[in-house]
Amino acid sequence: MSALPRKRDVREEPPGYLRPPGGARYLNVSLRTLRNWTRAGVVPCIRPGGGRVVLYARSDLDRAMARFREGVVP
């Protein structure tokens, strides 16, 4: 018996994007911290369709964290 193709779960994020809980885990910060940084403009987010869904691009999270880097050790 062949397996049917799996329907894409509507709660899955597109490749390269994370929902807030995944973004917080990716940055190793609390969900509250991520929301505060988003509200303050430290971390950009995407709201597809202007709705309640919030997505974070991994590249945006990496760039935001690079701003916190204090110095490079040679």
PDB file of N, CA and C in Angstrom:
ATOM      1  N   MET A   1       0.835  -1.165   0.000  1.00  0.00           N
ATOM      2  CA  MET A   1       0.000   0.000   0.000  1.00  0.00           C
ATOM      3  C   MET A   1       0.894   1.248   0.000  1.00  0.00           C
ATOM      4  N   SER A   2       0.672   2.129  -0.954  1.00  0.00           N
ATOM      5  CA  SER A   2       1.505   3.322  -1.035  1.00  0.00           C
ATOM      6  C   SER A   2       0.965   4.410  -0.125  1.00  0.00           C
ATOM      7  N   ALA A   3       1.883   5.187   0.412  1.00  0.00           N
ATOM      8  CA  ALA A   3       1.492   6.266   1.312  1.00  0.00           C
ATOM      9  C   ALA A   3       0.991   7.456   0.510  1.00  0.00           C
ATOM     10  N   LEU A   4      -0.040   8.064   0.991  1.00  0.00           N
ATOM     11  CA  LEU A   4      -0.565   9.268   0.348  1.00  0.00           C
ATOM     12  C   LEU A   4       0.337  10.439   0.676  1.00  0.00           C
ATOM     13  N   PRO A   5       0.455  11.402  -0.240  1.00  0.00           N
ATOM     14  CA  PRO A   5       1.263  12.567   0.089  1.00  0.00           C
ATOM     15  C   PRO A   5       0.663  13.289   1.285  1.00  0.00           C
ATOM     16  N   ARG A   6       1.518  13.713   2.168  1.00  0.00           N
ATOM     17  CA  ARG A   6       1.093  14.386   3.387  1.00  0.00           C
ATOM     18  C   ARG A   6       0.656  15.801   3.059  1.00  0.00           C
ATOM     19  N   LYS A   7      -0.508  16.191   3.567  1.00  0.00           N
ATOM     20  CA  LYS A   7      -0.945  17.569   3.387  1.00  0.00           C
ATOM     21  C   LYS A   7      -0.075  18.460   4.250  1.00  0.00           C
ATOM     22  N   ARG A   8       0.212  19.626   3.740  1.00  0.00           N
ATOM     23  CA  ARG A   8       1.016  20.561   4.511  1.00  0.00           C
ATOM     24  C   ARG A   8       0.175  21.141   5.631  1.00  0.00           C
ATOM     25  N   ASP A   9       0.666  21.038   6.833  1.00  0.00           N
ATOM     26  CA  ASP A   9      -0.029  21.581   7.983  1.00  0.00           C
ATOM     27  C   ASP A   9      -0.031  23.097   7.862  1.00  0.00           C
ATOM     28  N   VAL A  10      -1.180  23.709   8.036  1.00  0.00           N
ATOM     29  CA  VAL A  10      -1.263  25.167   7.887  1.00  0.00           C
ATOM     30  C   VAL A  10      -0.463  25.882   8.956  1.00  0.00           C
ATOM     31  N   ARG A  11      -0.089  25.182  10.018  1.00  0.00           N
ATOM     32  CA  ARG A  11       0.686  25.813  11.080  1.00  0.00           C
ATOM     33  C   ARG A  11       2.185  25.717  10.823  1.00  0.00           C
ATOM     34  N   GLU A  12       2.593  24.988   9.779  1.00  0.00           N
ATOM     35  CA  GLU A  12       4.017  24.904   9.450  1.00  0.00           C
ATOM     36  C   GLU A  12       4.469  26.214   8.835  1.00  0.00           C
ATOM     37  N   GLU A  13       5.667  26.618   9.174  1.00  0.00           N
ATOM     38  CA  GLU A  13       6.198  27.848   8.601  1.00  0.00           C
ATOM     39  C   GLU A  13       6.931  27.530   7.299  1.00  0.00           C
ATOM     40  N   PRO A  14       7.022  28.523   6.415  1.00  0.00           N
ATOM     41  CA  PRO A  14       7.769  28.305   5.175  1.00  0.00           C
ATOM     42  C   PRO A  14       9.256  28.086   5.485  1.00  0.00           C
ATOM     43  N   PRO A  15       9.972  27.412   4.595  1.00  0.00           N
ATOM     44  CA  PRO A  15      11.405  27.187   4.824  1.00  0.00           C
ATOM     45  C   PRO A  15      12.143  28.513   5.048  1.00  0.00           C
ATOM     46  N   GLY A  16      13.016  28.527   6.039  1.00  0.00           N
ATOM     47  CA  GLY A  16      13.799  29.724   6.332  1.00  0.00           C
ATOM     48  C   GLY A  16      13.113  30.685   7.280  1.00  0.00           C
ATOM     49  N   TYR A  17      11.911  30.346   7.730  1.00  0.00           N
ATOM     50  CA  TYR A  17      11.153  31.217   8.632  1.00  0.00           C
ATOM     51  C   TYR A  17      10.758  30.446   9.886  1.00  0.00           C
ATOM     52  N   LEU A  18      10.600  31.183  10.972  1.00  0.00           N
ATOM     53  CA  LEU A  18      10.222  30.578  12.248  1.00  0.00           C
ATOM     54  C   LEU A  18       9.064  31.347  12.859  1.00  0.00           C
ATOM     55  N   ARG A  19       8.196  30.644  13.547  1.00  0.00           N
ATOM     56  CA  ARG A  19       7.154  31.290  14.343  1.00  0.00           C
ATOM     57  C   ARG A  19       7.810  31.749  15.653  1.00  0.00           C
ATOM     58  N   PRO A  20       7.147  32.572  16.440  1.00  0.00           N
ATOM     59  CA  PRO A  20       7.770  33.095  17.669  1.00  0.00           C
ATOM     60  C   PRO A  20       8.372  32.047  18.608  1.00  0.00           C
ATOM     61  N   PRO A  21       7.692  30.953  18.925  1.00  0.00           N
ATOM     62  CA  PRO A  21       8.351  29.984  19.818  1.00  0.00           C
ATOM     63  C   PRO A  21       9.643  29.405  19.225  1.00  0.00           C
ATOM     64  N   GLY A  22       9.629  29.121  17.927  1.00  0.00           N
ATOM     65  CA  GLY A  22      10.838  28.612  17.270  1.00  0.00           C
ATOM     66  C   GLY A  22      11.927  29.665  17.196  1.00  0.00           C
ATOM     67  N   GLY A  23      11.531  30.907  16.967  1.00  0.00           N
ATOM     68  CA  GLY A  23      12.508  32.003  16.939  1.00  0.00           C
ATOM     69  C   GLY A  23      13.172  32.199  18.284  1.00  0.00           C
ATOM     70  N   ALA A  24      12.389  32.105  19.348  1.00  0.00           N
ATOM     71  CA  ALA A  24      12.951  32.244  20.698  1.00  0.00           C
ATOM     72  C   ALA A  24      13.929  31.110  20.991  1.00  0.00           C
ATOM     73  N   ARG A  25      13.557  29.877  20.601  1.00  0.00           N
ATOM     74  CA  ARG A  25      14.479  28.748  20.797  1.00  0.00           C
ATOM     75  C   ARG A  25      15.743  28.929  19.965  1.00  0.00           C
ATOM     76  N   TYR A  26      15.577  29.394  18.730  1.00  0.00           N
ATOM     77  CA  TYR A  26      16.719  29.601  17.838  1.00  0.00           C
ATOM     78  C   TYR A  26      17.716  30.597  18.444  1.00  0.00           C
ATOM     79  N   LEU A  27      17.194  31.647  19.095  1.00  0.00           N
ATOM     80  CA  LEU A  27      18.051  32.665  19.697  1.00  0.00           C
ATOM     81  C   LEU A  27      18.442  32.336  21.130  1.00  0.00           C
ATOM     82  N   ASN A  28      17.839  31.273  21.670  1.00  0.00           N
ATOM     83  CA  ASN A  28      18.083  30.885  23.057  1.00  0.00           C
ATOM     84  C   ASN A  28      17.686  32.006  24.028  1.00  0.00           C
ATOM     85  N   VAL A  29      16.531  32.604  23.782  1.00  0.00           N
ATOM     86  CA  VAL A  29      15.973  33.624  24.666  1.00  0.00           C
ATOM     87  C   VAL A  29      14.520  33.233  24.959  1.00  0.00           C
ATOM     88  N   SER A  30      13.924  33.911  25.924  1.00  0.00           N
ATOM     89  CA  SER A  30      12.529  33.626  26.233  1.00  0.00           C
ATOM     90  C   SER A  30      11.623  34.229  25.162  1.00  0.00           C
ATOM     91  N   LEU A  31      10.424  33.709  25.088  1.00  0.00           N
ATOM     92  CA  LEU A  31       9.438  34.231  24.150  1.00  0.00           C
ATOM     93  C   LEU A  31       9.124  35.687  24.482  1.00  0.00           C
ATOM     94  N   ARG A  32       9.067  36.014  25.755  1.00  0.00           N
ATOM     95  CA  ARG A  32       8.825  37.403  26.180  1.00  0.00           C
ATOM     96  C   ARG A  32       9.936  38.325  25.682  1.00  0.00           C
ATOM     97  N   THR A  33      11.181  37.893  25.779  1.00  0.00           N
ATOM     98  CA  THR A  33      12.310  38.703  25.303  1.00  0.00           C
ATOM     99  C   THR A  33      12.198  38.927  23.805  1.00  0.00           C
ATOM    100  N   LEU A  34      11.893  37.881  23.056  1.00  0.00           N
ATOM    101  CA  LEU A  34      11.751  38.028  21.605  1.00  0.00           C
ATOM    102  C   LEU A  34      10.630  39.009  21.276  1.00  0.00           C
ATOM    103  N   ARG A  35       9.501  38.904  21.968  1.00  0.00           N
ATOM    104  CA  ARG A  35       8.395  39.842  21.716  1.00  0.00           C
ATOM    105  C   ARG A  35       8.784  41.268  22.075  1.00  0.00           C
ATOM    106  N   ASN A  36       9.512  41.445  23.166  1.00  0.00           N
ATOM    107  CA  ASN A  36       9.972  42.792  23.533  1.00  0.00           C
ATOM    108  C   ASN A  36      10.922  43.354  22.481  1.00  0.00           C
ATOM    109  N   TRP A  37      11.852  42.534  21.988  1.00  0.00           N
ATOM    110  CA  TRP A  37      12.784  42.978  20.952  1.00  0.00           C
ATOM    111  C   TRP A  37      12.046  43.315  19.663  1.00  0.00           C
ATOM    112  N   THR A  38      10.998  42.548  19.362  1.00  0.00           N
ATOM    113  CA  THR A  38      10.207  42.825  18.159  1.00  0.00           C
ATOM    114  C   THR A  38       9.493  44.157  18.309  1.00  0.00           C
ATOM    115  N   ARG A  39       8.864  44.362  19.452  1.00  0.00           N
ATOM    116  CA  ARG A  39       8.148  45.609  19.715  1.00  0.00           C
ATOM    117  C   ARG A  39       9.095  46.815  19.673  1.00  0.00           C
ATOM    118  N   ALA A  40      10.321  46.635  20.152  1.00  0.00           N
ATOM    119  CA  ALA A  40      11.311  47.723  20.184  1.00  0.00           C
ATOM    120  C   ALA A  40      11.993  47.927  18.837  1.00  0.00           C
ATOM    121  N   GLY A  41      11.762  47.030  17.885  1.00  0.00           N
ATOM    122  CA  GLY A  41      12.370  47.169  16.572  1.00  0.00           C
ATOM    123  C   GLY A  41      13.754  46.568  16.451  1.00  0.00           C
ATOM    124  N   VAL A  42      14.180  45.818  17.452  1.00  0.00           N
ATOM    125  CA  VAL A  42      15.500  45.179  17.415  1.00  0.00           C
ATOM    126  C   VAL A  42      15.489  44.005  16.446  1.00  0.00           C
ATOM    127  N   VAL A  43      14.400  43.258  16.447  1.00  0.00           N
ATOM    128  CA  VAL A  43      14.251  42.086  15.585  1.00  0.00           C
ATOM    129  C   VAL A  43      13.064  42.322  14.656  1.00  0.00           C
ATOM    130  N   PRO A  44      13.294  42.344  13.342  1.00  0.00           N
ATOM    131  CA  PRO A  44      12.168  42.530  12.410  1.00  0.00           C
ATOM    132  C   PRO A  44      11.335  41.259  12.280  1.00  0.00           C
ATOM    133  N   CYS A  45      10.058  41.445  12.027  1.00  0.00           N
ATOM    134  CA  CYS A  45       9.181  40.296  11.808  1.00  0.00           C
ATOM    135  C   CYS A  45       8.346  40.541  10.558  1.00  0.00           C
ATOM    136  N   ILE A  46       7.713  39.481  10.116  1.00  0.00           N
ATOM    137  CA  ILE A  46       6.856  39.531   8.932  1.00  0.00           C
ATOM    138  C   ILE A  46       5.463  39.114   9.386  1.00  0.00           C
ATOM    139  N   ARG A  47       4.480  39.865   8.976  1.00  0.00           N
ATOM    140  CA  ARG A  47       3.082  39.519   9.266  1.00  0.00           C
ATOM    141  C   ARG A  47       2.375  39.300   7.932  1.00  0.00           C
ATOM    142  N   PRO A  48       2.393  38.052   7.432  1.00  0.00           N
ATOM    143  CA  PRO A  48       1.768  37.785   6.144  1.00  0.00           C
ATOM    144  C   PRO A  48       0.272  38.115   6.186  1.00  0.00           C
ATOM    145  N   GLY A  49      -0.164  38.866   5.225  1.00  0.00           N
ATOM    146  CA  GLY A  49      -1.573  39.226   5.152  1.00  0.00           C
ATOM    147  C   GLY A  49      -1.994  40.226   6.205  1.00  0.00           C
ATOM    148  N   GLY A  50      -1.059  40.777   6.958  1.00  0.00           N
ATOM    149  CA  GLY A  50      -1.372  41.750   7.986  1.00  0.00           C
ATOM    150  C   GLY A  50      -2.134  41.163   9.165  1.00  0.00           C
ATOM    151  N   GLY A  51      -2.161  39.852   9.277  1.00  0.00           N
ATOM    152  CA  GLY A  51      -2.923  39.195  10.327  1.00  0.00           C
ATOM    153  C   GLY A  51      -2.143  38.992  11.601  1.00  0.00           C
ATOM    154  N   ARG A  52      -2.613  38.029  12.365  1.00  0.00           N
ATOM    155  CA  ARG A  52      -1.996  37.747  13.660  1.00  0.00           C
ATOM    156  C   ARG A  52      -0.777  36.848  13.552  1.00  0.00           C
ATOM    157  N   VAL A  53      -0.604  36.199  12.423  1.00  0.00           N
ATOM    158  CA  VAL A  53       0.532  35.302  12.243  1.00  0.00           C
ATOM    159  C   VAL A  53       1.810  36.125  12.167  1.00  0.00           C
ATOM    160  N   VAL A  54       2.801  35.738  12.942  1.00  0.00           N
ATOM    161  CA  VAL A  54       4.095  36.418  12.954  1.00  0.00           C
ATOM    162  C   VAL A  54       5.157  35.411  12.555  1.00  0.00           C
ATOM    163  N   LEU A  55       6.011  35.797  11.624  1.00  0.00           N
ATOM    164  CA  LEU A  55       7.119  34.960  11.192  1.00  0.00           C
ATOM    165  C   LEU A  55       8.415  35.740  11.307  1.00  0.00           C
ATOM    166  N   TYR A  56       9.473  35.031  11.609  1.00  0.00           N
ATOM    167  CA  TYR A  56      10.813  35.617  11.669  1.00  0.00           C
ATOM    168  C   TYR A  56      11.690  34.913  10.650  1.00  0.00           C
ATOM    169  N   ALA A  57      12.368  35.663   9.813  1.00  0.00           N
ATOM    170  CA  ALA A  57      13.336  35.078   8.886  1.00  0.00           C
ATOM    171  C   ALA A  57      14.604  34.758   9.677  1.00  0.00           C
ATOM    172  N   ARG A  58      15.130  33.569   9.476  1.00  0.00           N
ATOM    173  CA  ARG A  58      16.359  33.197  10.194  1.00  0.00           C
ATOM    174  C   ARG A  58      17.483  34.193   9.914  1.00  0.00           C
ATOM    175  N   SER A  59      17.564  34.665   8.688  1.00  0.00           N
ATOM    176  CA  SER A  59      18.622  35.621   8.338  1.00  0.00           C
ATOM    177  C   SER A  59      18.452  36.926   9.119  1.00  0.00           C
ATOM    178  N   ASP A  60      17.204  37.366   9.342  1.00  0.00           N
ATOM    179  CA  ASP A  60      16.962  38.572  10.148  1.00  0.00           C
ATOM    180  C   ASP A  60      17.356  38.353  11.599  1.00  0.00           C
ATOM    181  N   LEU A  61      17.075  37.163  12.115  1.00  0.00           N
ATOM    182  CA  LEU A  61      17.462  36.862  13.500  1.00  0.00           C
ATOM    183  C   LEU A  61      18.977  36.849  13.646  1.00  0.00           C
ATOM    184  N   ASP A  62      19.660  36.266  12.653  1.00  0.00           N
ATOM    185  CA  ASP A  62      21.132  36.236  12.693  1.00  0.00           C
ATOM    186  C   ASP A  62      21.708  37.648  12.649  1.00  0.00           C
ATOM    187  N   ARG A  63      21.150  38.486  11.772  1.00  0.00           N
ATOM    188  CA  ARG A  63      21.626  39.873  11.666  1.00  0.00           C
ATOM    189  C   ARG A  63      21.378  40.652  12.954  1.00  0.00           C
ATOM    190  N   ALA A  64      20.220  40.452  13.546  1.00  0.00           N
ATOM    191  CA  ALA A  64      19.901  41.157  14.795  1.00  0.00           C
ATOM    192  C   ALA A  64      20.870  40.744  15.902  1.00  0.00           C
ATOM    193  N   MET A  65      21.190  39.465  15.979  1.00  0.00           N
ATOM    194  CA  MET A  65      22.105  38.999  17.016  1.00  0.00           C
ATOM    195  C   MET A  65      23.522  39.472  16.768  1.00  0.00           C
ATOM    196  N   ALA A  66      23.893  39.670  15.517  1.00  0.00           N
ATOM    197  CA  ALA A  66      25.244  40.155  15.216  1.00  0.00           C
ATOM    198  C   ALA A  66      25.462  41.557  15.784  1.00  0.00           C
ATOM    199  N   ARG A  67      24.375  42.317  15.926  1.00  0.00           N
ATOM    200  CA  ARG A  67      24.506  43.660  16.520  1.00  0.00           C
ATOM    201  C   ARG A  67      24.877  43.605  17.985  1.00  0.00           C
ATOM    202  N   PHE A  68      24.573  42.479  18.657  1.00  0.00           N
ATOM    203  CA  PHE A  68      24.899  42.349  20.072  1.00  0.00           C
ATOM    204  C   PHE A  68      26.338  41.886  20.308  1.00  0.00           C
ATOM    205  N   ARG A  69      26.992  41.457  19.256  1.00  0.00           N
ATOM    206  CA  ARG A  69      28.361  40.960  19.373  1.00  0.00           C
ATOM    207  C   ARG A  69      29.264  42.102  19.830  1.00  0.00           C
ATOM    208  N   GLU A  70      30.023  41.898  20.904  1.00  0.00           N
ATOM    209  CA  GLU A  70      30.862  42.962  21.459  1.00  0.00           C
ATOM    210  C   GLU A  70      32.181  43.121  20.757  1.00  0.00           C
ATOM    211  N   GLY A  71      32.833  42.048  20.466  1.00  0.00           N
ATOM    212  CA  GLY A  71      34.127  42.155  19.817  1.00  0.00           C
ATOM    213  C   GLY A  71      34.567  40.812  19.285  1.00  0.00           C
ATOM    214  N   VAL A  72      35.488  40.837  18.418  1.00  0.00           N
ATOM    215  CA  VAL A  72      35.987  39.600  17.824  1.00  0.00           C
ATOM    216  C   VAL A  72      37.340  39.298  18.434  1.00  0.00           C
ATOM    217  N   VAL A  73      37.500  38.077  18.890  1.00  0.00           N
ATOM    218  CA  VAL A  73      38.765  37.663  19.452  1.00  0.00           C
ATOM    219  C   VAL A  73      39.640  37.169  18.317  1.00  0.00           C
ATOM    220  N   PRO A  74      40.838  37.743  18.166  1.00  0.00           N
ATOM    221  CA  PRO A  74      41.708  37.313  17.060  1.00  0.00           C
ATOM    222  C   PRO A  74      42.238  35.920  17.235  1.00  0.00           C
TER     223      PRO A  74
END
